[in-house]
Amino acid sequence: MEKLETPDPAFAPPAEKNPVGKMRLFQTAAIILAVPVVAWGIFVVWATTSFTPCGPAYGFVQLGVVGSWMIAVPSGLFALVAALTIKNSSPSLRQMCLITSVVVLIPPIIASIFLSRWHCS
């Protein structure tokens, strides 16, 4: 009976023992995804302050504020989870994720305050 040979180790994919690269990628993705969310939030704040109160665009402004909340909360939670669950990555990247999770929520809060104070209810 012939003995079966195992494949050479050069052909086998290397086993990843330290998944720090994937963790950094996860945190970097959280920061990169937050950039358009913050841009949308800033646009909604601008729209809330620039359109006339009780004007024809009031419904669109309300939808913009609601949409800003709908994309900011998951993005902020994604960044917060990335910062709090991944302990092995660099501390500066973790701090950036924590700061990002807070910064993402600032424009919807400002837009909601402006909408409730300056526009019809």
N, C-alpha and C. Protein backbone atom coordinates (compact mmCIF):
# COMPACT_ATOMS: atom_id res chain seq x y z
N MET A 1 0.83 -1.17 0.00
CA MET A 1 0.00 0.00 0.00
C MET A 1 0.89 1.25 0.00
N GLU A 2 0.50 2.20 -0.85
CA GLU A 2 1.30 3.41 -0.96
C GLU A 2 0.91 4.42 0.12
N LYS A 3 1.88 5.13 0.52
CA LYS A 3 1.65 6.17 1.53
C LYS A 3 1.28 7.47 0.81
N LEU A 4 0.18 8.09 1.23
CA LEU A 4 -0.25 9.36 0.62
C LEU A 4 0.60 10.48 1.15
N GLU A 5 1.01 11.31 0.24
CA GLU A 5 1.85 12.44 0.63
C GLU A 5 0.98 13.66 0.91
N THR A 6 1.39 14.40 1.88
CA THR A 6 0.70 15.65 2.20
C THR A 6 1.26 16.75 1.31
N PRO A 7 0.46 17.78 1.02
CA PRO A 7 0.98 18.85 0.17
C PRO A 7 2.08 19.63 0.88
N ASP A 8 2.91 20.22 0.05
CA ASP A 8 4.00 21.03 0.59
C ASP A 8 3.43 22.22 1.34
N PRO A 9 4.11 22.65 2.38
CA PRO A 9 3.63 23.81 3.11
C PRO A 9 3.64 25.09 2.27
N ALA A 10 4.42 25.11 1.20
CA ALA A 10 4.46 26.30 0.36
C ALA A 10 3.14 26.51 -0.38
N PHE A 11 2.40 25.44 -0.62
CA PHE A 11 1.13 25.55 -1.34
C PHE A 11 -0.06 25.80 -0.43
N ALA A 12 0.11 25.54 0.84
CA ALA A 12 -0.98 25.76 1.78
C ALA A 12 -1.01 27.23 2.18
N PRO A 13 -2.20 27.81 2.28
CA PRO A 13 -2.26 29.21 2.69
C PRO A 13 -1.79 29.36 4.14
N PRO A 14 -1.09 30.42 4.43
CA PRO A 14 -0.59 30.59 5.79
C PRO A 14 -1.74 30.85 6.77
N ALA A 15 -1.64 30.25 7.91
CA ALA A 15 -2.65 30.46 8.95
C ALA A 15 -2.38 31.79 9.63
N GLU A 16 -3.43 32.55 9.76
CA GLU A 16 -3.28 33.87 10.37
C GLU A 16 -3.43 33.73 11.89
N LYS A 17 -2.34 33.95 12.58
CA LYS A 17 -2.36 33.78 14.03
C LYS A 17 -2.70 35.07 14.75
N ASN A 18 -2.44 36.20 14.12
CA ASN A 18 -2.70 37.48 14.74
C ASN A 18 -3.62 38.30 13.84
N PRO A 19 -4.92 38.34 14.14
CA PRO A 19 -5.86 39.03 13.26
C PRO A 19 -5.92 40.54 13.49
N VAL A 20 -4.81 41.15 13.83
CA VAL A 20 -4.80 42.59 14.09
C VAL A 20 -5.10 43.37 12.81
N GLY A 21 -4.68 42.85 11.67
CA GLY A 21 -4.94 43.52 10.40
C GLY A 21 -6.43 43.63 10.11
N LYS A 22 -7.18 42.57 10.40
CA LYS A 22 -8.63 42.61 10.20
C LYS A 22 -9.29 43.57 11.18
N MET A 23 -8.77 43.65 12.38
CA MET A 23 -9.33 44.58 13.37
C MET A 23 -9.10 46.02 12.95
N ARG A 24 -7.90 46.30 12.47
CA ARG A 24 -7.61 47.65 12.00
C ARG A 24 -8.48 48.01 10.80
N LEU A 25 -8.71 47.03 9.93
CA LEU A 25 -9.56 47.26 8.78
C LEU A 25 -11.00 47.57 9.22
N PHE A 26 -11.48 46.85 10.22
CA PHE A 26 -12.82 47.09 10.76
C PHE A 26 -12.94 48.50 11.33
N GLN A 27 -11.94 48.92 12.10
CA GLN A 27 -11.98 50.27 12.68
C GLN A 27 -11.80 51.34 11.60
N THR A 28 -10.95 51.10 10.64
CA THR A 28 -10.76 52.06 9.56
C THR A 28 -12.04 52.18 8.73
N ALA A 29 -12.72 51.08 8.50
CA ALA A 29 -13.99 51.12 7.76
C ALA A 29 -15.03 51.93 8.52
N ALA A 30 -15.05 51.82 9.84
CA ALA A 30 -16.00 52.60 10.64
C ALA A 30 -15.73 54.10 10.49
N ILE A 31 -14.47 54.47 10.46
CA ILE A 31 -14.12 55.89 10.32
C ILE A 31 -14.43 56.39 8.91
N ILE A 32 -14.10 55.58 7.90
CA ILE A 32 -14.34 55.99 6.52
C ILE A 32 -15.83 56.09 6.22
N LEU A 33 -16.62 55.17 6.74
CA LEU A 33 -18.07 55.22 6.52
C LEU A 33 -18.72 56.40 7.23
N ALA A 34 -18.08 56.91 8.25
CA ALA A 34 -18.65 58.04 8.98
C ALA A 34 -18.49 59.36 8.23
N VAL A 35 -17.55 59.45 7.31
CA VAL A 35 -17.31 60.71 6.60
C VAL A 35 -18.52 61.14 5.78
N PRO A 36 -19.12 60.30 4.92
CA PRO A 36 -20.31 60.76 4.20
C PRO A 36 -21.51 60.99 5.11
N VAL A 37 -21.57 60.28 6.22
CA VAL A 37 -22.67 60.49 7.16
C VAL A 37 -22.58 61.88 7.78
N VAL A 38 -21.39 62.29 8.14
CA VAL A 38 -21.19 63.64 8.69
C VAL A 38 -21.47 64.69 7.62
N ALA A 39 -21.05 64.42 6.38
CA ALA A 39 -21.33 65.36 5.29
C ALA A 39 -22.83 65.51 5.07
N TRP A 40 -23.57 64.40 5.10
CA TRP A 40 -25.02 64.47 4.97
C TRP A 40 -25.63 65.24 6.14
N GLY A 41 -25.15 65.02 7.33
CA GLY A 41 -25.65 65.74 8.49
C GLY A 41 -25.41 67.24 8.38
N ILE A 42 -24.25 67.62 7.90
CA ILE A 42 -23.95 69.05 7.72
C ILE A 42 -24.87 69.65 6.66
N PHE A 43 -25.13 68.90 5.59
CA PHE A 43 -26.06 69.38 4.57
C PHE A 43 -27.46 69.55 5.14
N VAL A 44 -27.90 68.64 5.99
CA VAL A 44 -29.23 68.75 6.59
C VAL A 44 -29.30 69.94 7.53
N VAL A 45 -28.24 70.20 8.28
CA VAL A 45 -28.22 71.39 9.14
C VAL A 45 -28.30 72.65 8.28
N TRP A 46 -27.56 72.68 7.18
CA TRP A 46 -27.64 73.83 6.27
C TRP A 46 -29.05 73.99 5.70
N ALA A 47 -29.66 72.88 5.29
CA ALA A 47 -31.02 72.95 4.74
C ALA A 47 -32.02 73.40 5.78
N THR A 48 -31.83 72.98 7.01
CA THR A 48 -32.74 73.38 8.08
C THR A 48 -32.64 74.87 8.36
N THR A 49 -31.45 75.40 8.28
CA THR A 49 -31.28 76.82 8.58
C THR A 49 -31.57 77.72 7.39
N SER A 50 -31.48 77.21 6.17
CA SER A 50 -31.60 78.10 5.02
C SER A 50 -33.01 78.20 4.45
N PHE A 51 -33.83 77.17 4.60
CA PHE A 51 -35.18 77.25 4.06
C PHE A 51 -36.09 78.03 5.00
N THR A 52 -37.09 78.67 4.42
CA THR A 52 -37.99 79.51 5.21
C THR A 52 -38.87 78.65 6.11
N PRO A 53 -39.17 79.14 7.31
CA PRO A 53 -40.07 78.40 8.18
C PRO A 53 -41.47 78.33 7.57
N CYS A 54 -42.10 77.21 7.71
CA CYS A 54 -43.47 76.97 7.22
C CYS A 54 -43.57 77.14 5.72
N GLY A 55 -42.47 77.02 5.00
CA GLY A 55 -42.48 77.17 3.56
C GLY A 55 -42.83 75.86 2.88
N PRO A 56 -42.77 75.86 1.54
CA PRO A 56 -43.13 74.66 0.80
C PRO A 56 -42.13 73.51 0.97
N ALA A 57 -40.94 73.79 1.42
CA ALA A 57 -39.92 72.75 1.57
C ALA A 57 -39.89 72.17 2.99
N TYR A 58 -40.88 72.52 3.81
CA TYR A 58 -40.86 72.07 5.20
C TYR A 58 -40.88 70.54 5.31
N GLY A 59 -41.66 69.89 4.48
CA GLY A 59 -41.72 68.43 4.52
C GLY A 59 -40.40 67.79 4.12
N PHE A 60 -39.72 68.38 3.14
CA PHE A 60 -38.42 67.85 2.73
C PHE A 60 -37.37 68.04 3.83
N VAL A 61 -37.46 69.16 4.53
CA VAL A 61 -36.53 69.39 5.63
C VAL A 61 -36.76 68.37 6.73
N GLN A 62 -38.02 68.10 7.03
CA GLN A 62 -38.31 67.08 8.05
C GLN A 62 -37.79 65.71 7.63
N LEU A 63 -38.00 65.36 6.37
CA LEU A 63 -37.48 64.07 5.88
C LEU A 63 -35.96 64.03 5.93
N GLY A 64 -35.32 65.15 5.66
CA GLY A 64 -33.87 65.19 5.74
C GLY A 64 -33.36 64.97 7.16
N VAL A 65 -34.05 65.56 8.13
CA VAL A 65 -33.65 65.37 9.52
C VAL A 65 -33.86 63.92 9.95
N VAL A 66 -34.99 63.35 9.57
CA VAL A 66 -35.26 61.95 9.92
C VAL A 66 -34.24 61.03 9.23
N GLY A 67 -33.95 61.31 7.97
CA GLY A 67 -32.95 60.52 7.26
C GLY A 67 -31.57 60.65 7.87
N SER A 68 -31.26 61.84 8.35
CA SER A 68 -29.98 62.05 9.01
C SER A 68 -29.88 61.19 10.27
N TRP A 69 -30.95 61.13 11.04
CA TRP A 69 -30.95 60.27 12.22
C TRP A 69 -30.84 58.80 11.83
N MET A 70 -31.52 58.42 10.73
CA MET A 70 -31.54 57.01 10.35
C MET A 70 -30.18 56.51 9.87
N ILE A 71 -29.35 57.38 9.34
CA ILE A 71 -28.02 56.92 8.93
C ILE A 71 -26.95 57.24 9.98
N ALA A 72 -27.20 58.22 10.84
CA ALA A 72 -26.19 58.59 11.83
C ALA A 72 -26.14 57.61 13.00
N VAL A 73 -27.28 57.16 13.45
CA VAL A 73 -27.29 56.26 14.61
C VAL A 73 -26.60 54.93 14.31
N PRO A 74 -26.93 54.23 13.21
CA PRO A 74 -26.19 52.99 12.95
C PRO A 74 -24.70 53.21 12.70
N SER A 75 -24.36 54.29 12.02
CA SER A 75 -22.95 54.57 11.78
C SER A 75 -22.21 54.88 13.08
N GLY A 76 -22.84 55.63 13.95
CA GLY A 76 -22.24 55.92 15.25
C GLY A 76 -22.10 54.68 16.11
N LEU A 77 -23.11 53.81 16.06
CA LEU A 77 -23.01 52.56 16.82
C LEU A 77 -21.94 51.64 16.26
N PHE A 78 -21.81 51.64 14.94
CA PHE A 78 -20.76 50.84 14.30
C PHE A 78 -19.38 51.30 14.75
N ALA A 79 -19.17 52.60 14.78
CA ALA A 79 -17.88 53.13 15.23
C ALA A 79 -17.66 52.87 16.71
N LEU A 80 -18.72 52.98 17.51
CA LEU A 80 -18.59 52.73 18.94
C LEU A 80 -18.28 51.27 19.23
N VAL A 81 -18.95 50.37 18.54
CA VAL A 81 -18.68 48.94 18.71
C VAL A 81 -17.25 48.62 18.27
N ALA A 82 -16.83 49.23 17.16
CA ALA A 82 -15.46 49.00 16.69
C ALA A 82 -14.43 49.50 17.70
N ALA A 83 -14.74 50.58 18.38
CA ALA A 83 -13.79 51.12 19.35
C ALA A 83 -13.77 50.32 20.64
N LEU A 84 -14.93 49.88 21.09
CA LEU A 84 -15.00 49.24 22.40
C LEU A 84 -14.70 47.75 22.38
N THR A 85 -14.97 47.07 21.28
CA THR A 85 -14.76 45.62 21.27
C THR A 85 -13.37 45.21 20.84
N ILE A 86 -12.71 46.04 20.05
CA ILE A 86 -11.39 45.66 19.55
C ILE A 86 -10.32 46.29 20.44
N LYS A 87 -9.70 45.49 21.24
CA LYS A 87 -8.74 45.97 22.23
C LYS A 87 -7.29 45.88 21.75
N ASN A 88 -7.02 45.07 20.74
CA ASN A 88 -5.65 44.80 20.34
C ASN A 88 -5.08 45.79 19.33
N SER A 89 -5.87 46.69 18.82
CA SER A 89 -5.35 47.61 17.81
C SER A 89 -4.70 48.82 18.48
N SER A 90 -4.27 49.75 17.67
CA SER A 90 -3.55 50.90 18.21
C SER A 90 -4.49 51.81 19.01
N PRO A 91 -4.02 52.40 20.08
CA PRO A 91 -4.86 53.28 20.90
C PRO A 91 -5.35 54.51 20.14
N SER A 92 -4.53 55.02 19.23
CA SER A 92 -4.97 56.21 18.48
C SER A 92 -6.14 55.89 17.56
N LEU A 93 -6.15 54.69 16.98
CA LEU A 93 -7.27 54.28 16.13
C LEU A 93 -8.54 54.08 16.95
N ARG A 94 -8.38 53.54 18.15
CA ARG A 94 -9.53 53.39 19.04
C ARG A 94 -10.09 54.75 19.44
N GLN A 95 -9.21 55.70 19.74
CA GLN A 95 -9.68 57.05 20.08
C GLN A 95 -10.38 57.70 18.91
N MET A 96 -9.87 57.51 17.70
CA MET A 96 -10.53 58.07 16.52
C MET A 96 -11.92 57.48 16.35
N CYS A 97 -12.08 56.19 16.62
CA CYS A 97 -13.40 55.57 16.51
C CYS A 97 -14.35 56.13 17.56
N LEU A 98 -13.86 56.34 18.78
CA LEU A 98 -14.71 56.92 19.82
C LEU A 98 -15.12 58.34 19.46
N ILE A 99 -14.18 59.13 18.99
CA ILE A 99 -14.48 60.51 18.59
C ILE A 99 -15.45 60.51 17.42
N THR A 100 -15.25 59.61 16.47
CA THR A 100 -16.13 59.52 15.32
C THR A 100 -17.55 59.17 15.72
N SER A 101 -17.70 58.26 16.69
CA SER A 101 -19.04 57.87 17.11
C SER A 101 -19.80 59.04 17.74
N VAL A 102 -19.10 59.97 18.33
CA VAL A 102 -19.74 61.16 18.91
C VAL A 102 -19.98 62.21 17.83
N VAL A 103 -19.00 62.43 16.97
CA VAL A 103 -19.11 63.47 15.94
C VAL A 103 -20.22 63.15 14.95
N VAL A 104 -20.45 61.88 14.68
CA VAL A 104 -21.49 61.49 13.74
C VAL A 104 -22.88 61.91 14.25
N LEU A 105 -23.07 61.92 15.55
CA LEU A 105 -24.39 62.23 16.10
C LEU A 105 -24.62 63.73 16.31
N ILE A 106 -23.61 64.55 16.21
CA ILE A 106 -23.78 65.99 16.45
C ILE A 106 -24.66 66.68 15.40
N PRO A 107 -24.45 66.48 14.08
CA PRO A 107 -25.31 67.17 13.11
C PRO A 107 -26.79 66.84 13.21
N PRO A 108 -27.21 65.59 13.41
CA PRO A 108 -28.66 65.36 13.57
C PRO A 108 -29.24 66.02 14.81
N ILE A 109 -28.46 66.10 15.87
CA ILE A 109 -28.95 66.77 17.08
C ILE A 109 -29.15 68.25 16.81
N ILE A 110 -28.18 68.88 16.15
CA ILE A 110 -28.29 70.31 15.83
C ILE A 110 -29.44 70.55 14.87
N ALA A 111 -29.58 69.69 13.86
CA ALA A 111 -30.68 69.85 12.90
C ALA A 111 -32.03 69.68 13.57
N SER A 112 -32.15 68.76 14.51
CA SER A 112 -33.41 68.58 15.22
C SER A 112 -33.75 69.79 16.08
N ILE A 113 -32.75 70.34 16.73
CA ILE A 113 -32.99 71.54 17.55
C ILE A 113 -33.41 72.71 16.68
N PHE A 114 -32.72 72.93 15.55
CA PHE A 114 -33.09 73.99 14.64
C PHE A 114 -34.50 73.78 14.08
N LEU A 115 -34.83 72.55 13.74
CA LEU A 115 -36.14 72.27 13.18
C LEU A 115 -37.24 72.52 14.19
N SER A 116 -37.02 72.17 15.44
CA SER A 116 -38.06 72.35 16.44
C SER A 116 -38.20 73.81 16.86
N ARG A 117 -37.15 74.59 16.77
CA ARG A 117 -37.22 76.00 17.21
C ARG A 117 -37.60 76.96 16.10
N TRP A 118 -37.12 76.71 14.87
CA TRP A 118 -37.30 77.70 13.81
C TRP A 118 -38.41 77.39 12.85
N HIS A 119 -38.92 76.18 12.83
CA HIS A 119 -39.93 75.80 11.84
C HIS A 119 -41.27 75.52 12.50
N CYS A 120 -42.29 75.41 11.66
CA CYS A 120 -43.65 75.13 12.16
C CYS A 120 -43.69 73.76 12.82
N SER A 121 -44.64 73.59 13.70
CA SER A 121 -44.78 72.28 14.31
C SER A 121 -46.13 71.69 14.01
